[in-house]
Amino acid sequence: MGDGRSASLSGCLRPLAGPPHPALDDLLDAAAAAWTARRIAAGQAVRLGAVDGCIGADTAGCPLTIVV
């Protein structure tokens, strides 16, 4: 591409820090994420963790919710 987009993407394509080979738990995490995404897309997911309609947050501000 001569439009400069390839140069801007090169900064985004750096490898992430971590082990060189995924472990078994990484495979299980990926399978669980795919299963959850499929249920959300199909409208079958149930979101747990809301109390009185409000979802709590952890110390980093991330919502504490479980999707099954």
PDB file of N, CA and C in Angstrom:
ATOM      1  N   MET A   1       0.845  -1.183   0.000  1.00  0.00           N
ATOM      2  CA  MET A   1       0.000   0.000   0.000  1.00  0.00           C
ATOM      3  C   MET A   1       0.884   1.237   0.000  1.00  0.00           C
ATOM      4  N   GLY A   2       0.686   2.104  -0.919  1.00  0.00           N
ATOM      5  CA  GLY A   2       1.470   3.305  -0.998  1.00  0.00           C
ATOM      6  C   GLY A   2       0.824   4.482  -0.299  1.00  0.00           C
ATOM      7  N   ASP A   3      -0.237   4.258   0.478  1.00  0.00           N
ATOM      8  CA  ASP A   3      -0.960   5.367   1.085  1.00  0.00           C
ATOM      9  C   ASP A   3      -0.532   5.659   2.520  1.00  0.00           C
ATOM     10  N   GLY A   4       0.495   4.988   3.027  1.00  0.00           N
ATOM     11  CA  GLY A   4       0.988   5.260   4.366  1.00  0.00           C
ATOM     12  C   GLY A   4       0.316   4.467   5.469  1.00  0.00           C
ATOM     13  N   ARG A   5      -0.726   3.701   5.133  1.00  0.00           N
ATOM     14  CA  ARG A   5      -1.409   2.930   6.174  1.00  0.00           C
ATOM     15  C   ARG A   5      -0.541   1.830   6.742  1.00  0.00           C
ATOM     16  N   SER A   6       0.294   1.190   5.927  1.00  0.00           N
ATOM     17  CA  SER A   6       1.119   0.093   6.430  1.00  0.00           C
ATOM     18  C   SER A   6       2.122   0.589   7.462  1.00  0.00           C
ATOM     19  N   ALA A   7       2.631   1.795   7.298  1.00  0.00           N
ATOM     20  CA  ALA A   7       3.572   2.348   8.270  1.00  0.00           C
ATOM     21  C   ALA A   7       2.868   2.630   9.590  1.00  0.00           C
ATOM     22  N   SER A   8       1.628   3.089   9.558  1.00  0.00           N
ATOM     23  CA  SER A   8       0.922   3.395  10.798  1.00  0.00           C
ATOM     24  C   SER A   8       0.501   2.130  11.529  1.00  0.00           C
ATOM     25  N   LEU A   9       0.304   1.037  10.814  1.00  0.00           N
ATOM     26  CA  LEU A   9      -0.079  -0.216  11.459  1.00  0.00           C
ATOM     27  C   LEU A   9       1.099  -0.944  12.084  1.00  0.00           C
ATOM     28  N   SER A  10       2.306  -0.658  11.649  1.00  0.00           N
ATOM     29  CA  SER A  10       3.459  -1.403  12.147  1.00  0.00           C
ATOM     30  C   SER A  10       3.623  -1.256  13.654  1.00  0.00           C
ATOM     31  N   GLY A  11       3.242  -0.135  14.226  1.00  0.00           N
ATOM     32  CA  GLY A  11       3.327   0.049  15.671  1.00  0.00           C
ATOM     33  C   GLY A  11       2.327  -0.797  16.435  1.00  0.00           C
ATOM     34  N   CYS A  12       1.248  -1.197  15.784  1.00  0.00           N
ATOM     35  CA  CYS A  12       0.209  -1.999  16.427  1.00  0.00           C
ATOM     36  C   CYS A  12       0.483  -3.497  16.343  1.00  0.00           C
ATOM     37  N   LEU A  13       1.425  -3.891  15.520  1.00  0.00           N
ATOM     38  CA  LEU A  13       1.641  -5.305  15.262  1.00  0.00           C
ATOM     39  C   LEU A  13       2.837  -5.877  16.015  1.00  0.00           C
ATOM     40  N   ARG A  14       3.245  -5.248  17.087  1.00  0.00           N
ATOM     41  CA  ARG A  14       4.344  -5.781  17.887  1.00  0.00           C
ATOM     42  C   ARG A  14       3.851  -6.967  18.714  1.00  0.00           C
ATOM     43  N   PRO A  15       4.708  -7.967  18.926  1.00  0.00           N
ATOM     44  CA  PRO A  15       4.287  -9.109  19.751  1.00  0.00           C
ATOM     45  C   PRO A  15       4.057  -8.684  21.194  1.00  0.00           C
ATOM     46  N   LEU A  16       3.103  -9.318  21.836  1.00  0.00           N
ATOM     47  CA  LEU A  16       2.821  -9.046  23.238  1.00  0.00           C
ATOM     48  C   LEU A  16       3.812  -9.778  24.125  1.00  0.00           C
ATOM     49  N   ALA A  17       4.053  -9.224  25.292  1.00  0.00           N
ATOM     50  CA  ALA A  17       4.925  -9.894  26.264  1.00  0.00           C
ATOM     51  C   ALA A  17       4.204 -11.131  26.796  1.00  0.00           C
ATOM     52  N   GLY A  18       4.937 -12.156  27.052  1.00  0.00           N
ATOM     53  CA  GLY A  18       4.346 -13.375  27.592  1.00  0.00           C
ATOM     54  C   GLY A  18       5.165 -14.581  27.202  1.00  0.00           C
ATOM     55  N   PRO A  19       4.703 -15.748  27.588  1.00  0.00           N
ATOM     56  CA  PRO A  19       5.439 -16.965  27.269  1.00  0.00           C
ATOM     57  C   PRO A  19       5.463 -17.208  25.761  1.00  0.00           C
ATOM     58  N   PRO A  20       6.516 -17.865  25.258  1.00  0.00           N
ATOM     59  CA  PRO A  20       6.607 -18.099  23.818  1.00  0.00           C
ATOM     60  C   PRO A  20       5.557 -19.069  23.287  1.00  0.00           C
ATOM     61  N   HIS A  21       5.064 -19.948  24.133  1.00  0.00           N
ATOM     62  CA  HIS A  21       4.053 -20.922  23.711  1.00  0.00           C
ATOM     63  C   HIS A  21       2.894 -20.883  24.699  1.00  0.00           C
ATOM     64  N   PRO A  22       1.666 -20.905  24.210  1.00  0.00           N
ATOM     65  CA  PRO A  22       0.522 -20.877  25.122  1.00  0.00           C
ATOM     66  C   PRO A  22       0.433 -22.166  25.935  1.00  0.00           C
ATOM     67  N   ALA A  23      -0.061 -22.025  27.137  1.00  0.00           N
ATOM     68  CA  ALA A  23      -0.256 -23.169  28.025  1.00  0.00           C
ATOM     69  C   ALA A  23      -1.696 -23.673  27.884  1.00  0.00           C
ATOM     70  N   LEU A  24      -1.995 -24.789  28.519  1.00  0.00           N
ATOM     71  CA  LEU A  24      -3.333 -25.379  28.444  1.00  0.00           C
ATOM     72  C   LEU A  24      -4.393 -24.414  28.954  1.00  0.00           C
ATOM     73  N   ASP A  25      -4.099 -23.662  30.008  1.00  0.00           N
ATOM     74  CA  ASP A  25      -5.102 -22.738  30.530  1.00  0.00           C
ATOM     75  C   ASP A  25      -5.418 -21.624  29.539  1.00  0.00           C
ATOM     76  N   ASP A  26      -4.451 -21.270  28.679  1.00  0.00           N
ATOM     77  CA  ASP A  26      -4.715 -20.276  27.641  1.00  0.00           C
ATOM     78  C   ASP A  26      -5.713 -20.806  26.616  1.00  0.00           C
ATOM     79  N   LEU A  27      -5.595 -22.068  26.287  1.00  0.00           N
ATOM     80  CA  LEU A  27      -6.535 -22.704  25.371  1.00  0.00           C
ATOM     81  C   LEU A  27      -7.942 -22.737  25.983  1.00  0.00           C
ATOM     82  N   LEU A  28      -8.023 -23.065  27.259  1.00  0.00           N
ATOM     83  CA  LEU A  28      -9.318 -23.100  27.932  1.00  0.00           C
ATOM     84  C   LEU A  28      -9.928 -21.703  28.019  1.00  0.00           C
ATOM     85  N   ASP A  29      -9.105 -20.687  28.281  1.00  0.00           N
ATOM     86  CA  ASP A  29      -9.600 -19.306  28.317  1.00  0.00           C
ATOM     87  C   ASP A  29     -10.159 -18.898  26.959  1.00  0.00           C
ATOM     88  N   ALA A  30      -9.462 -19.256  25.881  1.00  0.00           N
ATOM     89  CA  ALA A  30      -9.922 -18.916  24.538  1.00  0.00           C
ATOM     90  C   ALA A  30     -11.234 -19.630  24.211  1.00  0.00           C
ATOM     91  N   ALA A  31     -11.342 -20.889  24.596  1.00  0.00           N
ATOM     92  CA  ALA A  31     -12.578 -21.637  24.342  1.00  0.00           C
ATOM     93  C   ALA A  31     -13.744 -21.032  25.125  1.00  0.00           C
ATOM     94  N   ALA A  32     -13.497 -20.657  26.372  1.00  0.00           N
ATOM     95  CA  ALA A  32     -14.555 -20.048  27.190  1.00  0.00           C
ATOM     96  C   ALA A  32     -14.976 -18.703  26.613  1.00  0.00           C
ATOM     97  N   ALA A  33     -14.024 -17.912  26.137  1.00  0.00           N
ATOM     98  CA  ALA A  33     -14.351 -16.615  25.541  1.00  0.00           C
ATOM     99  C   ALA A  33     -15.174 -16.791  24.270  1.00  0.00           C
ATOM    100  N   ALA A  34     -14.820 -17.777  23.451  1.00  0.00           N
ATOM    101  CA  ALA A  34     -15.576 -18.030  22.221  1.00  0.00           C
ATOM    102  C   ALA A  34     -16.991 -18.509  22.539  1.00  0.00           C
ATOM    103  N   TRP A  35     -17.122 -19.378  23.522  1.00  0.00           N
ATOM    104  CA  TRP A  35     -18.435 -19.882  23.927  1.00  0.00           C
ATOM    105  C   TRP A  35     -19.308 -18.736  24.429  1.00  0.00           C
ATOM    106  N   THR A  36     -18.722 -17.869  25.261  1.00  0.00           N
ATOM    107  CA  THR A  36     -19.469 -16.736  25.805  1.00  0.00           C
ATOM    108  C   THR A  36     -19.872 -15.772  24.688  1.00  0.00           C
ATOM    109  N   ALA A  37     -18.949 -15.475  23.777  1.00  0.00           N
ATOM    110  CA  ALA A  37     -19.266 -14.568  22.672  1.00  0.00           C
ATOM    111  C   ALA A  37     -20.382 -15.126  21.801  1.00  0.00           C
ATOM    112  N   ARG A  38     -20.365 -16.410  21.585  1.00  0.00           N
ATOM    113  CA  ARG A  38     -21.417 -17.051  20.776  1.00  0.00           C
ATOM    114  C   ARG A  38     -22.777 -16.912  21.459  1.00  0.00           C
ATOM    115  N   ARG A  39     -22.817 -17.091  22.792  1.00  0.00           N
ATOM    116  CA  ARG A  39     -24.077 -16.954  23.535  1.00  0.00           C
ATOM    117  C   ARG A  39     -24.564 -15.506  23.539  1.00  0.00           C
ATOM    118  N   ILE A  40     -23.632 -14.554  23.656  1.00  0.00           N
ATOM    119  CA  ILE A  40     -24.019 -13.143  23.634  1.00  0.00           C
ATOM    120  C   ILE A  40     -24.600 -12.793  22.265  1.00  0.00           C
ATOM    121  N   ALA A  41     -23.934 -13.218  21.194  1.00  0.00           N
ATOM    122  CA  ALA A  41     -24.402 -12.929  19.835  1.00  0.00           C
ATOM    123  C   ALA A  41     -25.764 -13.557  19.559  1.00  0.00           C
ATOM    124  N   ALA A  42     -26.022 -14.721  20.144  1.00  0.00           N
ATOM    125  CA  ALA A  42     -27.290 -15.410  19.919  1.00  0.00           C
ATOM    126  C   ALA A  42     -28.397 -14.909  20.846  1.00  0.00           C
ATOM    127  N   GLY A  43     -28.061 -13.996  21.756  1.00  0.00           N
ATOM    128  CA  GLY A  43     -29.062 -13.480  22.691  1.00  0.00           C
ATOM    129  C   GLY A  43     -29.418 -14.468  23.778  1.00  0.00           C
ATOM    130  N   GLN A  44     -28.563 -15.454  24.043  1.00  0.00           N
ATOM    131  CA  GLN A  44     -28.836 -16.480  25.048  1.00  0.00           C
ATOM    132  C   GLN A  44     -28.065 -16.266  26.350  1.00  0.00           C
ATOM    133  N   ALA A  45     -27.222 -15.262  26.408  1.00  0.00           N
ATOM    134  CA  ALA A  45     -26.369 -15.049  27.569  1.00  0.00           C
ATOM    135  C   ALA A  45     -27.164 -14.457  28.731  1.00  0.00           C
ATOM    136  N   VAL A  46     -26.781 -14.834  29.922  1.00  0.00           N
ATOM    137  CA  VAL A  46     -27.357 -14.285  31.146  1.00  0.00           C
ATOM    138  C   VAL A  46     -26.227 -13.566  31.867  1.00  0.00           C
ATOM    139  N   ARG A  47     -26.445 -12.298  32.210  1.00  0.00           N
ATOM    140  CA  ARG A  47     -25.423 -11.501  32.874  1.00  0.00           C
ATOM    141  C   ARG A  47     -25.703 -11.498  34.383  1.00  0.00           C
ATOM    142  N   LEU A  48     -24.748 -11.969  35.156  1.00  0.00           N
ATOM    143  CA  LEU A  48     -24.854 -12.009  36.605  1.00  0.00           C
ATOM    144  C   LEU A  48     -23.935 -10.943  37.204  1.00  0.00           C
ATOM    145  N   GLY A  49     -24.231 -10.517  38.407  1.00  0.00           N
ATOM    146  CA  GLY A  49     -23.355  -9.588  39.095  1.00  0.00           C
ATOM    147  C   GLY A  49     -23.982  -8.233  39.368  1.00  0.00           C
ATOM    148  N   ALA A  50     -25.112  -7.951  38.771  1.00  0.00           N
ATOM    149  CA  ALA A  50     -25.770  -6.674  39.013  1.00  0.00           C
ATOM    150  C   ALA A  50     -26.558  -6.733  40.323  1.00  0.00           C
ATOM    151  N   VAL A  51     -26.414  -5.715  41.125  1.00  0.00           N
ATOM    152  CA  VAL A  51     -27.179  -5.593  42.375  1.00  0.00           C
ATOM    153  C   VAL A  51     -28.013  -4.324  42.246  1.00  0.00           C
ATOM    154  N   ASP A  52     -29.310  -4.472  42.307  1.00  0.00           N
ATOM    155  CA  ASP A  52     -30.228  -3.350  42.135  1.00  0.00           C
ATOM    156  C   ASP A  52     -29.992  -2.623  40.815  1.00  0.00           C
ATOM    157  N   GLY A  53     -29.653  -3.383  39.770  1.00  0.00           N
ATOM    158  CA  GLY A  53     -29.442  -2.803  38.460  1.00  0.00           C
ATOM    159  C   GLY A  53     -28.080  -2.144  38.275  1.00  0.00           C
ATOM    160  N   CYS A  54     -27.252  -2.169  39.291  1.00  0.00           N
ATOM    161  CA  CYS A  54     -25.935  -1.537  39.218  1.00  0.00           C
ATOM    162  C   CYS A  54     -24.855  -2.609  39.282  1.00  0.00           C
ATOM    163  N   ILE A  55     -23.929  -2.575  38.338  1.00  0.00           N
ATOM    164  CA  ILE A  55     -22.830  -3.534  38.320  1.00  0.00           C
ATOM    165  C   ILE A  55     -21.644  -2.913  39.044  1.00  0.00           C
ATOM    166  N   GLY A  56     -21.142  -3.614  40.048  1.00  0.00           N
ATOM    167  CA  GLY A  56     -20.003  -3.131  40.811  1.00  0.00           C
ATOM    168  C   GLY A  56     -18.735  -3.103  39.977  1.00  0.00           C
ATOM    169  N   ALA A  57     -17.705  -2.449  40.505  1.00  0.00           N
ATOM    170  CA  ALA A  57     -16.423  -2.350  39.800  1.00  0.00           C
ATOM    171  C   ALA A  57     -15.289  -2.739  40.734  1.00  0.00           C
ATOM    172  N   ASP A  58     -14.198  -3.238  40.146  1.00  0.00           N
ATOM    173  CA  ASP A  58     -13.027  -3.558  40.947  1.00  0.00           C
ATOM    174  C   ASP A  58     -12.188  -2.304  41.158  1.00  0.00           C
ATOM    175  N   THR A  59     -11.005  -2.458  41.747  1.00  0.00           N
ATOM    176  CA  THR A  59     -10.179  -1.299  42.065  1.00  0.00           C
ATOM    177  C   THR A  59      -9.689  -0.565  40.816  1.00  0.00           C
ATOM    178  N   ALA A  60      -9.637  -1.255  39.673  1.00  0.00           N
ATOM    179  CA  ALA A  60      -9.220  -0.613  38.423  1.00  0.00           C
ATOM    180  C   ALA A  60     -10.384   0.007  37.680  1.00  0.00           C
ATOM    181  N   GLY A  61     -11.607  -0.156  38.211  1.00  0.00           N
ATOM    182  CA  GLY A  61     -12.778   0.399  37.565  1.00  0.00           C
ATOM    183  C   GLY A  61     -13.434  -0.516  36.551  1.00  0.00           C
ATOM    184  N   CYS A  62     -12.950  -1.762  36.446  1.00  0.00           N
ATOM    185  CA  CYS A  62     -13.544  -2.724  35.512  1.00  0.00           C
ATOM    186  C   CYS A  62     -14.804  -3.323  36.120  1.00  0.00           C
ATOM    187  N   PRO A  63     -15.853  -3.499  35.315  1.00  0.00           N
ATOM    188  CA  PRO A  63     -17.101  -4.053  35.856  1.00  0.00           C
ATOM    189  C   PRO A  63     -16.929  -5.499  36.303  1.00  0.00           C
ATOM    190  N   LEU A  64     -17.526  -5.819  37.431  1.00  0.00           N
ATOM    191  CA  LEU A  64     -17.512  -7.182  37.954  1.00  0.00           C
ATOM    192  C   LEU A  64     -18.814  -7.848  37.545  1.00  0.00           C
ATOM    193  N   THR A  65     -18.753  -8.614  36.506  1.00  0.00           N
ATOM    194  CA  THR A  65     -19.940  -9.285  36.001  1.00  0.00           C
ATOM    195  C   THR A  65     -19.553 -10.643  35.437  1.00  0.00           C
ATOM    196  N   ILE A  66     -20.471 -11.562  35.504  1.00  0.00           N
ATOM    197  CA  ILE A  66     -20.257 -12.901  34.972  1.00  0.00           C
ATOM    198  C   ILE A  66     -21.299 -13.129  33.901  1.00  0.00           C
ATOM    199  N   VAL A  67     -20.875 -13.602  32.747  1.00  0.00           N
ATOM    200  CA  VAL A  67     -21.805 -13.874  31.651  1.00  0.00           C
ATOM    201  C   VAL A  67     -21.801 -15.377  31.423  1.00  0.00           C
ATOM    202  N   VAL A  68     -22.969 -15.996  31.513  1.00  0.00           N
ATOM    203  CA  VAL A  68     -23.098 -17.450  31.277  1.00  0.00           C
ATOM    204  C   VAL A  68     -24.134 -17.711  30.208  1.00  0.00           C
TER     205      VAL A  68
END
